[in-house]
Amino acid sequence: MRSLRLTAAAMAAALAPALATAGVAAAHPHPHLKRNHGIRSGACRVTLNVAPRLLTAGETALAFGSLACRPAAEAGQTVTLYQHSAGTGGFTVAGTGTTDAHGFYQITTPALSNNSVFYTIAGGDRSRSRTVRVAAQVTLNGPGEGKQFSIATGRRNAVTFTGTVSPDDAGAEVVLQRQNSVRGDDFHRIGRTIVTSNGTYAITHVFRVPGDSDIRVLVRSNHRNVASPSNVLFFLISQAQNPSLTINSSQNPIAFGGSTVISGAEAGAPNTEVTLLAHSAGGKFAPIATAQTDSSGAYAFPAQSPATSTFYQVQGAGRKSAVLYEGVKYVLTASVSATTIEAGQPLTFSGNVTPAQPGHIVYLERQNASGVGFHVVSVTTEGPAGEYAIVHTVYTPGSDVFRIKVPGGPANGATASTPFTITVTPRTAGSPPPEPPGNSGLPKEGQV
């Protein structure tokens, strides 16, 4: 399993040859600058920060810093931002800004699609370089998140997953993954393919084991982006029905504390006793209720309120039904400390997860630039009573939409909060603080 730190290291190694070439190409427009990391040993000094350092294709970052000259800051000076995008040659102008009365400047980058390196020049002075890592925007097509969608096991019920990768990354590896960890952050590979020349992919998979299934794809980029996960789709997998003894649920999945009625029909078996058996993950079937079929063979058991996701089966007259998987979703509360905030200031998202599962993963997600789907921007874990808090600093002025997502596991299914719309206003005085360590992060890559 690769960590995010290893991903960053691999990306830096992959970028190194390109950056070396780009550095040579960029040197020609500015031959007067000395090469001690781009900072001239003169009377002035220009600094640069770029935040966030990790984003998803289509989003912008904020470049900011200051110009200080002896004996004071420089006001009213033009600052030019240069960008090198992985897979291209040299640096190009990405924007300009003007220093304020205290020498501070802010420049919003263009929408980014590839890993990028930036520096600024003010007069004859150049800042150090800063890197922004960019995840591709990867879509996974299927029913909307949170909606019921049941899949039957077996080859005749094979499912084809399709999606898109932006920017196009023909030949990049696409790994289909299923989540199965109690912690909610362990994905294992169940299929793979490559991105086609038009930025699409398709993977067909046969499910053989009933259960809860969170499905995503992870795209291993050709050095232009960091490893990029898709949105996650939630599925309930049950065995294909036995037509002589069927089994159905009136509500699947249910929220923790909710209930469902298990019913069905046994062909040619009127007025026959049937038994409902159940077990949770890792357990064995045991009887929990009995019922009588009516004159047509139909039956219904009293409402069931399982605390965790549960496997059900019905037996009667020497027959067994298919195994039905009933998902039980976490119940989530979520709030945010403010809905309007100045660039460079932190937001705190907090709440509780029921039932509590200390150490279980909780994601902060941001809506994609396209307005469709969400991607993870920060990760935390539940506390002893199911409480969580995520502090996330926002930088780019505009409107952002966030939500909290709790991924599923064997015990309970995934759930997400209602979205929060956050208005980020420009900084009114001074320069934003540098981005805190750990402000942005991705889920683990899992088995690739």
Protein backbone atom coordinates (compact mmCIF):
# COMPACT_ATOMS: atom_id res chain seq x y z
CA MET A 1 0.00 0.00 0.00
CA ARG A 2 1.41 3.36 -0.96
CA SER A 3 0.95 6.31 1.34
CA LEU A 4 0.20 9.86 0.21
CA ARG A 5 3.75 10.78 1.24
CA LEU A 6 5.14 8.16 -1.13
CA THR A 7 2.85 9.42 -3.85
CA ALA A 8 4.24 12.93 -3.40
CA ALA A 9 7.81 11.60 -3.51
CA ALA A 10 7.11 9.64 -6.67
CA MET A 11 5.54 12.70 -8.25
CA ALA A 12 8.55 14.85 -7.38
CA ALA A 13 10.86 12.27 -8.93
CA ALA A 14 8.72 12.12 -12.05
CA LEU A 15 8.68 15.92 -12.33
CA ALA A 16 12.41 16.37 -11.82
CA PRO A 17 13.54 15.83 -15.44
CA ALA A 18 10.75 18.03 -16.76
CA LEU A 19 11.53 20.75 -14.25
CA ALA A 20 15.20 20.68 -15.13
CA THR A 21 14.33 21.22 -18.78
CA ALA A 22 11.75 23.82 -17.84
CA GLY A 23 14.27 25.64 -15.68
CA VAL A 24 16.62 25.99 -18.64
CA ALA A 25 13.79 27.17 -20.86
CA ALA A 26 12.65 29.66 -18.26
CA ALA A 27 16.14 31.05 -17.75
CA HIS A 28 16.26 32.75 -21.14
CA PRO A 29 13.54 35.38 -20.41
CA HIS A 30 15.37 36.34 -17.19
CA PRO A 31 19.13 36.02 -17.87
CA HIS A 32 19.98 38.71 -15.32
CA LEU A 33 18.76 36.62 -12.38
CA LYS A 34 21.26 34.64 -10.37
CA ARG A 35 20.58 30.94 -9.93
CA ASN A 36 20.60 30.55 -6.15
CA HIS A 37 17.06 29.05 -6.25
CA GLY A 38 15.97 32.11 -8.21
CA ILE A 39 16.57 34.68 -5.48
CA ARG A 40 18.82 37.59 -6.38
CA SER A 41 21.18 38.75 -3.66
CA GLY A 42 20.14 42.39 -4.03
CA ALA A 43 18.27 45.04 -2.07
CA CYS A 44 14.84 43.45 -2.58
CA ARG A 45 13.33 40.08 -1.76
CA VAL A 46 10.10 38.59 -3.17
CA THR A 47 8.41 35.68 -1.40
CA LEU A 48 5.80 33.24 -2.71
CA ASN A 49 3.31 30.79 -1.24
CA VAL A 50 0.73 28.87 -3.25
CA ALA A 51 -2.32 27.26 -1.61
CA PRO A 52 -3.84 24.77 -1.59
CA ARG A 53 -0.87 22.58 -2.48
CA LEU A 54 -3.21 19.73 -3.51
CA LEU A 55 -6.34 20.22 -5.59
CA THR A 56 -8.49 18.57 -8.25
CA ALA A 57 -8.46 19.41 -11.96
CA GLY A 58 -10.52 22.47 -12.78
CA GLU A 59 -9.83 24.24 -9.48
CA THR A 60 -7.71 27.35 -8.92
CA ALA A 61 -5.08 28.14 -6.31
CA LEU A 62 -4.04 31.40 -4.65
CA ALA A 63 -0.48 32.65 -5.14
CA PHE A 64 0.53 35.21 -2.51
CA GLY A 65 3.56 36.77 -0.91
CA SER A 66 5.39 40.05 -0.43
CA LEU A 67 8.03 42.31 -1.94
CA ALA A 68 10.39 43.82 0.61
CA CYS A 69 13.18 46.25 -0.25
CA ARG A 70 15.62 48.10 1.94
CA PRO A 71 14.62 49.99 3.98
CA ALA A 72 10.86 49.28 3.51
CA ALA A 73 8.24 47.30 1.59
CA GLU A 74 7.59 48.15 -2.04
CA ALA A 75 4.08 49.36 -2.88
CA GLY A 76 2.46 49.56 -6.32
CA GLN A 77 4.90 47.15 -7.99
CA THR A 78 3.82 44.67 -10.65
CA VAL A 79 4.32 41.00 -9.75
CA THR A 80 4.22 38.41 -12.53
CA LEU A 81 3.37 34.76 -11.82
CA TYR A 82 5.01 32.10 -13.99
CA GLN A 83 3.79 28.50 -14.29
CA HIS A 84 5.24 25.25 -15.59
CA SER A 85 2.64 22.51 -16.14
CA ALA A 86 3.81 18.87 -16.12
CA GLY A 87 3.99 17.51 -19.66
CA THR A 88 4.78 20.90 -21.22
CA GLY A 89 8.01 22.77 -21.84
CA GLY A 90 9.18 25.88 -20.02
CA PHE A 91 7.29 28.44 -17.97
CA THR A 92 4.48 30.72 -19.16
CA VAL A 93 2.84 33.76 -17.58
CA ALA A 94 -0.07 32.65 -15.37
CA GLY A 95 -1.16 36.06 -14.09
CA THR A 96 -0.09 39.40 -12.66
CA GLY A 97 -0.78 41.37 -9.49
CA THR A 98 0.22 44.58 -7.76
CA THR A 99 1.75 45.00 -4.33
CA ASP A 100 -0.30 46.90 -1.77
CA ALA A 101 0.91 49.58 0.65
CA HIS A 102 2.68 46.94 2.72
CA GLY A 103 4.25 45.11 -0.23
CA PHE A 104 1.77 42.20 -0.19
CA TYR A 105 0.32 40.71 -3.38
CA GLN A 106 -2.25 38.02 -4.29
CA ILE A 107 -2.81 36.35 -7.66
CA THR A 108 -5.42 33.70 -8.43
CA THR A 109 -4.04 31.05 -10.78
CA PRO A 110 -5.90 29.85 -13.86
CA ALA A 111 -7.85 26.61 -13.45
CA LEU A 112 -5.22 23.89 -13.14
CA SER A 113 -5.26 20.50 -14.85
CA ASN A 114 -1.75 19.08 -14.31
CA ASN A 115 0.88 19.12 -11.56
CA SER A 116 2.42 22.59 -11.71
CA VAL A 117 5.39 24.63 -10.48
CA PHE A 118 5.18 28.40 -9.94
CA TYR A 119 7.48 31.33 -9.26
CA THR A 120 7.00 35.11 -9.28
CA ILE A 121 9.10 38.01 -10.51
CA ALA A 122 8.88 41.60 -9.28
CA GLY A 123 11.27 43.96 -11.03
CA GLY A 124 14.52 42.03 -11.18
CA ASP A 125 13.78 39.77 -8.23
CA ARG A 126 12.51 36.21 -8.40
CA SER A 127 10.89 34.11 -5.70
CA ARG A 128 11.58 30.50 -4.90
CA SER A 129 9.54 27.90 -6.77
CA ARG A 130 6.41 26.33 -5.30
CA THR A 131 4.68 23.09 -6.38
CA VAL A 132 0.97 22.34 -6.61
CA ARG A 133 -0.14 18.73 -7.02
CA VAL A 134 -3.27 18.16 -9.08
CA ALA A 135 -5.53 15.11 -9.06
CA ALA A 136 -7.40 14.33 -12.26
CA GLN A 137 -11.18 14.61 -12.12
CA VAL A 138 -12.30 11.00 -12.42
CA THR A 139 -15.96 10.04 -12.76
CA LEU A 140 -17.49 6.63 -12.09
CA ASN A 141 -20.87 6.16 -13.68
CA GLY A 142 -23.68 4.45 -11.80
CA PRO A 143 -26.71 5.24 -9.66
CA GLY A 144 -26.45 8.35 -7.50
CA GLU A 145 -24.69 8.04 -4.17
CA GLY A 146 -26.99 7.15 -1.28
CA LYS A 147 -29.68 5.62 -3.50
CA GLN A 148 -30.67 1.97 -3.28
CA PHE A 149 -29.05 -0.14 -5.94
CA SER A 150 -28.94 -3.90 -5.57
CA ILE A 151 -26.69 -6.22 -7.54
CA ALA A 152 -27.13 -9.98 -7.79
CA THR A 153 -24.17 -12.32 -7.69
CA GLY A 154 -23.18 -14.47 -10.66
CA ARG A 155 -21.82 -14.10 -14.17
CA ARG A 156 -25.19 -13.42 -15.77
CA ASN A 157 -25.46 -10.35 -13.52
CA ALA A 158 -22.04 -8.90 -14.44
CA VAL A 159 -21.83 -5.12 -14.03
CA THR A 160 -19.96 -2.80 -16.39
CA PHE A 161 -18.51 0.33 -14.80
CA THR A 162 -17.69 3.28 -17.06
CA GLY A 163 -16.34 6.76 -16.55
CA THR A 164 -14.15 9.62 -17.72
CA VAL A 165 -10.74 11.03 -16.83
CA SER A 166 -10.04 14.77 -17.15
CA PRO A 167 -7.55 15.82 -18.33
CA ASP A 168 -7.37 13.02 -20.90
CA ASP A 169 -4.61 10.60 -19.94
CA ALA A 170 -4.60 7.93 -22.64
CA GLY A 171 -2.83 4.77 -21.54
CA ALA A 172 -2.97 5.55 -17.82
CA GLU A 173 -3.88 2.57 -15.63
CA VAL A 174 -7.39 2.47 -14.12
CA VAL A 175 -7.85 0.22 -11.08
CA LEU A 176 -11.37 -0.84 -10.01
CA GLN A 177 -11.45 -1.09 -6.21
CA ARG A 178 -13.88 -2.35 -3.58
CA GLN A 179 -13.80 -1.04 -0.02
CA ASN A 180 -13.93 -3.63 2.72
CA SER A 181 -12.15 -2.29 5.79
CA VAL A 182 -13.67 -1.83 9.24
CA ARG A 183 -11.87 1.53 9.30
CA GLY A 184 -13.37 2.51 5.96
CA ASP A 185 -10.09 3.38 4.23
CA ASP A 186 -8.90 0.04 2.83
CA PHE A 187 -9.58 -0.54 -0.86
CA HIS A 188 -8.55 -3.72 -2.66
CA ARG A 189 -8.26 -4.27 -6.39
CA ILE A 190 -11.01 -6.17 -8.21
CA GLY A 191 -10.24 -5.19 -11.81
CA ARG A 192 -8.14 -2.98 -14.04
CA THR A 193 -8.00 -1.42 -17.51
CA ILE A 194 -6.45 1.63 -19.20
CA VAL A 195 -7.76 5.05 -20.25
CA THR A 196 -8.68 5.19 -23.94
CA SER A 197 -7.60 7.91 -26.38
CA ASN A 198 -10.77 9.91 -25.69
CA GLY A 199 -10.35 9.90 -21.90
CA THR A 200 -12.88 7.16 -21.09
CA TYR A 201 -12.69 3.68 -19.58
CA ALA A 202 -14.90 0.61 -19.03
CA ILE A 203 -14.45 -2.34 -16.66
CA THR A 204 -16.81 -5.33 -16.32
CA HIS A 205 -16.91 -7.17 -12.99
CA VAL A 206 -18.78 -10.19 -11.63
CA PHE A 207 -19.69 -10.03 -7.93
CA ARG A 208 -19.61 -13.42 -6.22
CA VAL A 209 -19.99 -12.64 -2.50
CA PRO A 210 -23.04 -10.90 -0.96
CA GLY A 211 -22.45 -7.83 1.14
CA ASP A 212 -22.05 -4.08 1.31
CA SER A 213 -19.83 -2.68 -1.43
CA ASP A 214 -18.38 0.80 -1.90
CA ILE A 215 -16.83 0.91 -5.38
CA ARG A 216 -14.41 3.43 -6.89
CA VAL A 217 -11.64 3.58 -9.48
CA LEU A 218 -8.11 4.90 -8.97
CA VAL A 219 -6.25 6.32 -11.97
CA ARG A 220 -2.46 5.90 -11.96
CA SER A 221 -1.41 8.90 -14.05
CA ASN A 222 1.33 9.05 -16.68
CA HIS A 223 3.28 11.56 -14.52
CA ARG A 224 0.94 14.50 -15.12
CA ASN A 225 -1.27 14.09 -12.06
CA VAL A 226 -1.11 12.44 -8.68
CA ALA A 227 -2.91 9.12 -8.25
CA SER A 228 -6.54 10.16 -8.63
CA PRO A 229 -9.60 8.48 -7.07
CA SER A 230 -13.11 8.72 -8.49
CA ASN A 231 -16.34 9.31 -6.65
CA VAL A 232 -17.53 6.28 -4.63
CA LEU A 233 -20.68 4.33 -5.53
CA PHE A 234 -22.61 2.36 -2.92
CA PHE A 235 -24.05 -1.05 -3.82
CA LEU A 236 -25.89 -3.83 -1.97
CA ILE A 237 -24.96 -7.26 -3.24
CA SER A 238 -27.29 -10.22 -2.67
CA GLN A 239 -27.52 -13.66 -4.20
CA ALA A 240 -29.67 -14.17 -7.27
CA GLN A 241 -33.21 -15.14 -6.23
CA ASN A 242 -34.34 -18.73 -5.81
CA PRO A 243 -37.68 -18.63 -7.67
CA SER A 244 -39.15 -21.41 -5.49
CA LEU A 245 -38.56 -19.36 -2.30
CA THR A 246 -38.03 -15.63 -2.78
CA ILE A 247 -36.87 -13.04 -0.23
CA ASN A 248 -37.28 -9.25 -0.36
CA SER A 249 -36.84 -6.21 1.88
CA SER A 250 -39.30 -3.32 2.09
CA GLN A 251 -36.46 -0.82 2.69
CA ASN A 252 -32.85 -1.41 1.77
CA PRO A 253 -30.64 0.16 3.01
CA ILE A 254 -32.03 1.57 6.25
CA ALA A 255 -30.56 4.20 8.56
CA PHE A 256 -29.33 3.09 11.98
CA GLY A 257 -32.42 2.81 14.21
CA GLY A 258 -34.76 2.17 11.27
CA SER A 259 -36.65 -0.99 10.37
CA THR A 260 -37.61 -3.15 7.40
CA VAL A 261 -40.05 -5.96 6.65
CA ILE A 262 -38.64 -9.18 5.16
CA SER A 263 -41.17 -10.89 2.92
CA GLY A 264 -41.48 -13.19 -0.10
CA ALA A 265 -43.26 -16.25 -1.39
CA GLU A 266 -42.76 -20.00 -1.46
CA ALA A 267 -44.11 -21.60 -4.61
CA GLY A 268 -46.63 -24.37 -4.04
CA ALA A 269 -46.41 -24.17 -0.24
CA PRO A 270 -49.57 -22.61 1.25
CA ASN A 271 -50.00 -22.51 5.03
CA THR A 272 -46.40 -23.59 5.61
CA GLU A 273 -44.10 -22.44 8.41
CA VAL A 274 -41.01 -20.55 7.27
CA THR A 275 -38.05 -19.47 9.40
CA LEU A 276 -36.01 -16.28 9.11
CA LEU A 277 -32.28 -16.67 9.78
CA ALA A 278 -29.75 -13.86 10.13
CA HIS A 279 -26.13 -13.04 10.86
CA SER A 280 -23.89 -9.99 10.80
CA ALA A 281 -20.45 -9.82 9.18
CA GLY A 282 -18.25 -12.70 10.31
CA GLY A 283 -21.10 -14.61 11.98
CA LYS A 284 -23.16 -17.70 11.19
CA PHE A 285 -26.85 -18.01 10.38
CA ALA A 286 -29.17 -18.46 13.36
CA PRO A 287 -33.01 -18.43 13.46
CA ILE A 288 -34.60 -15.18 14.69
CA ALA A 289 -38.31 -15.40 13.68
CA THR A 290 -40.98 -17.64 12.20
CA ALA A 291 -44.04 -16.93 10.06
CA GLN A 292 -46.76 -18.79 8.18
CA THR A 293 -47.34 -18.58 4.45
CA ASP A 294 -50.86 -17.66 3.37
CA SER A 295 -53.02 -19.56 0.90
CA SER A 296 -50.94 -18.29 -2.02
CA GLY A 297 -47.60 -19.08 -0.38
CA ALA A 298 -46.76 -15.47 0.52
CA TYR A 299 -45.16 -14.66 3.87
CA ALA A 300 -43.99 -11.63 5.89
CA PHE A 301 -42.01 -11.49 9.13
CA PRO A 302 -42.38 -8.85 11.86
CA ALA A 303 -40.35 -5.67 11.21
CA GLN A 304 -36.62 -6.11 11.74
CA SER A 305 -34.37 -3.39 13.20
CA PRO A 306 -30.78 -4.58 12.86
CA ALA A 307 -28.05 -2.45 14.46
CA THR A 308 -25.52 -3.42 11.81
CA SER A 309 -25.71 -4.53 8.20
CA THR A 310 -27.15 -8.05 8.21
CA PHE A 311 -27.43 -11.13 5.99
CA TYR A 312 -30.91 -12.74 5.90
CA GLN A 313 -32.12 -16.09 4.57
CA VAL A 314 -35.49 -17.87 4.73
CA GLN A 315 -35.95 -21.63 5.08
CA GLY A 316 -39.12 -23.70 4.80
CA ALA A 317 -40.41 -27.00 3.42
CA GLY A 318 -36.86 -28.17 2.77
CA ARG A 319 -36.00 -25.10 0.68
CA LYS A 320 -33.62 -22.17 1.16
CA SER A 321 -33.96 -18.67 -0.24
CA ALA A 322 -31.09 -16.65 -1.63
CA VAL A 323 -29.03 -14.63 0.86
CA LEU A 324 -30.38 -11.09 1.16
CA TYR A 325 -27.99 -8.36 2.32
CA GLU A 326 -29.68 -5.59 4.33
CA GLY A 327 -27.52 -2.47 4.62
CA VAL A 328 -27.65 -0.33 7.78
CA LYS A 329 -26.20 3.15 7.20
CA TYR A 330 -24.45 5.34 9.72
CA VAL A 331 -26.41 8.33 11.05
CA LEU A 332 -24.38 11.51 10.72
CA THR A 333 -24.64 15.02 12.15
CA ALA A 334 -22.54 17.85 10.71
CA SER A 335 -22.08 21.58 11.22
CA VAL A 336 -19.59 24.23 10.10
CA SER A 337 -18.15 27.15 12.06
CA ALA A 338 -18.99 29.78 9.41
CA THR A 339 -20.54 30.06 5.95
CA THR A 340 -18.70 33.28 5.00
CA ILE A 341 -14.98 33.53 5.63
CA GLU A 342 -11.94 35.49 4.46
CA ALA A 343 -9.34 33.78 2.27
CA GLY A 344 -6.63 32.17 4.37
CA GLN A 345 -8.87 31.57 7.39
CA PRO A 346 -9.79 28.12 8.78
CA LEU A 347 -13.20 26.47 8.87
CA THR A 348 -14.11 23.80 11.39
CA PHE A 349 -16.48 21.01 10.34
CA SER A 350 -17.69 18.93 13.28
CA GLY A 351 -20.37 16.48 14.36
CA ASN A 352 -21.06 12.90 15.43
CA VAL A 353 -21.40 9.48 13.83
CA THR A 354 -23.87 6.87 15.14
CA PRO A 355 -23.16 4.12 15.96
CA ALA A 356 -19.75 5.27 17.16
CA GLN A 357 -16.75 3.43 15.80
CA PRO A 358 -13.57 5.03 17.19
CA GLY A 359 -10.83 5.33 14.59
CA HIS A 360 -13.22 5.04 11.63
CA ILE A 361 -12.41 7.37 8.72
CA VAL A 362 -14.35 10.61 8.13
CA TYR A 363 -13.89 12.61 4.91
CA LEU A 364 -14.34 16.30 4.15
CA GLU A 365 -15.36 16.53 0.48
CA ARG A 366 -15.53 19.47 -1.91
CA GLN A 367 -17.81 19.64 -4.93
CA ASN A 368 -16.03 19.23 -8.28
CA ALA A 369 -15.46 22.35 -10.37
CA SER A 370 -17.98 20.95 -12.88
CA GLY A 371 -20.69 21.10 -10.19
CA VAL A 372 -21.26 17.33 -10.45
CA GLY A 373 -19.90 14.98 -7.79
CA PHE A 374 -17.51 15.49 -4.86
CA HIS A 375 -13.88 14.70 -4.10
CA VAL A 376 -12.01 14.28 -0.80
CA VAL A 377 -9.97 17.27 0.42
CA SER A 378 -9.22 16.28 4.03
CA VAL A 379 -9.32 13.18 6.21
CA THR A 380 -9.80 12.58 9.96
CA THR A 381 -11.07 9.79 12.24
CA GLU A 382 -13.84 9.38 14.81
CA GLY A 383 -13.16 9.90 18.49
CA PRO A 384 -14.25 7.56 21.33
CA ALA A 385 -17.90 8.68 21.23
CA GLY A 386 -18.15 9.00 17.45
CA GLU A 387 -17.26 12.70 17.49
CA TYR A 388 -15.09 14.27 14.78
CA ALA A 389 -13.69 17.67 13.84
CA ILE A 390 -11.91 18.70 10.63
CA VAL A 391 -10.13 22.06 10.42
CA HIS A 392 -9.67 23.14 6.81
CA THR A 393 -8.24 26.46 5.58
CA VAL A 394 -9.70 27.90 2.37
CA TYR A 395 -7.79 30.24 0.09
CA THR A 396 -9.35 30.97 -3.30
CA PRO A 397 -12.08 33.66 -3.23
CA GLY A 398 -15.45 32.52 -4.53
CA SER A 399 -18.13 30.01 -3.60
CA ASP A 400 -17.29 26.48 -2.48
CA VAL A 401 -19.58 23.56 -1.61
CA PHE A 402 -18.43 21.06 1.02
CA ARG A 403 -19.92 18.02 2.73
CA ILE A 404 -18.94 15.37 5.27
CA LYS A 405 -18.82 11.74 4.10
CA VAL A 406 -18.48 8.64 6.28
CA PRO A 407 -17.41 5.66 4.16
CA GLY A 408 -18.94 2.25 4.82
CA GLY A 409 -17.54 -1.01 6.10
CA PRO A 410 -18.72 -4.48 7.07
CA ALA A 411 -20.71 -3.18 10.05
CA ASN A 412 -22.50 -0.17 8.57
CA GLY A 413 -22.99 1.53 5.23
CA ALA A 414 -21.74 4.90 3.99
CA THR A 415 -23.60 8.15 4.48
CA ALA A 416 -23.06 11.83 3.68
CA SER A 417 -24.23 15.14 5.18
CA THR A 418 -26.22 17.77 3.38
CA PRO A 419 -23.88 20.16 1.51
CA PHE A 420 -22.56 23.42 2.99
CA THR A 421 -22.13 26.42 0.68
CA ILE A 422 -19.15 28.52 1.80
CA THR A 423 -18.47 32.03 0.52
CA VAL A 424 -14.77 32.91 0.53
CA THR A 425 -14.05 36.65 0.39
CA PRO A 426 -10.73 38.25 -0.67
CA ARG A 427 -8.17 39.04 2.00
CA THR A 428 -8.67 42.65 3.11
CA ALA A 429 -5.34 43.26 4.86
CA GLY A 430 -1.98 41.58 4.86
CA SER A 431 -0.99 38.27 3.36
CA PRO A 432 -2.71 34.95 4.15
CA PRO A 433 -0.69 32.59 6.32
CA PRO A 434 1.07 29.67 4.59
CA GLU A 435 -1.04 26.53 4.24
CA PRO A 436 -0.89 24.42 7.43
CA PRO A 437 0.61 20.92 7.15
CA GLY A 438 -2.08 18.32 6.52
CA ASN A 439 -4.61 20.90 5.34
CA SER A 440 -5.31 18.86 2.22
CA GLY A 441 -5.16 15.10 1.68
CA LEU A 442 -6.52 12.18 -0.30
CA PRO A 443 -7.81 8.75 0.75
CA LYS A 444 -5.23 5.98 0.76
CA GLU A 445 -4.52 4.43 -2.61
CA GLY A 446 -5.23 0.94 -1.34
CA GLN A 447 -4.20 -2.15 -3.32
CA VAL A 448 -3.26 -1.15 -6.86
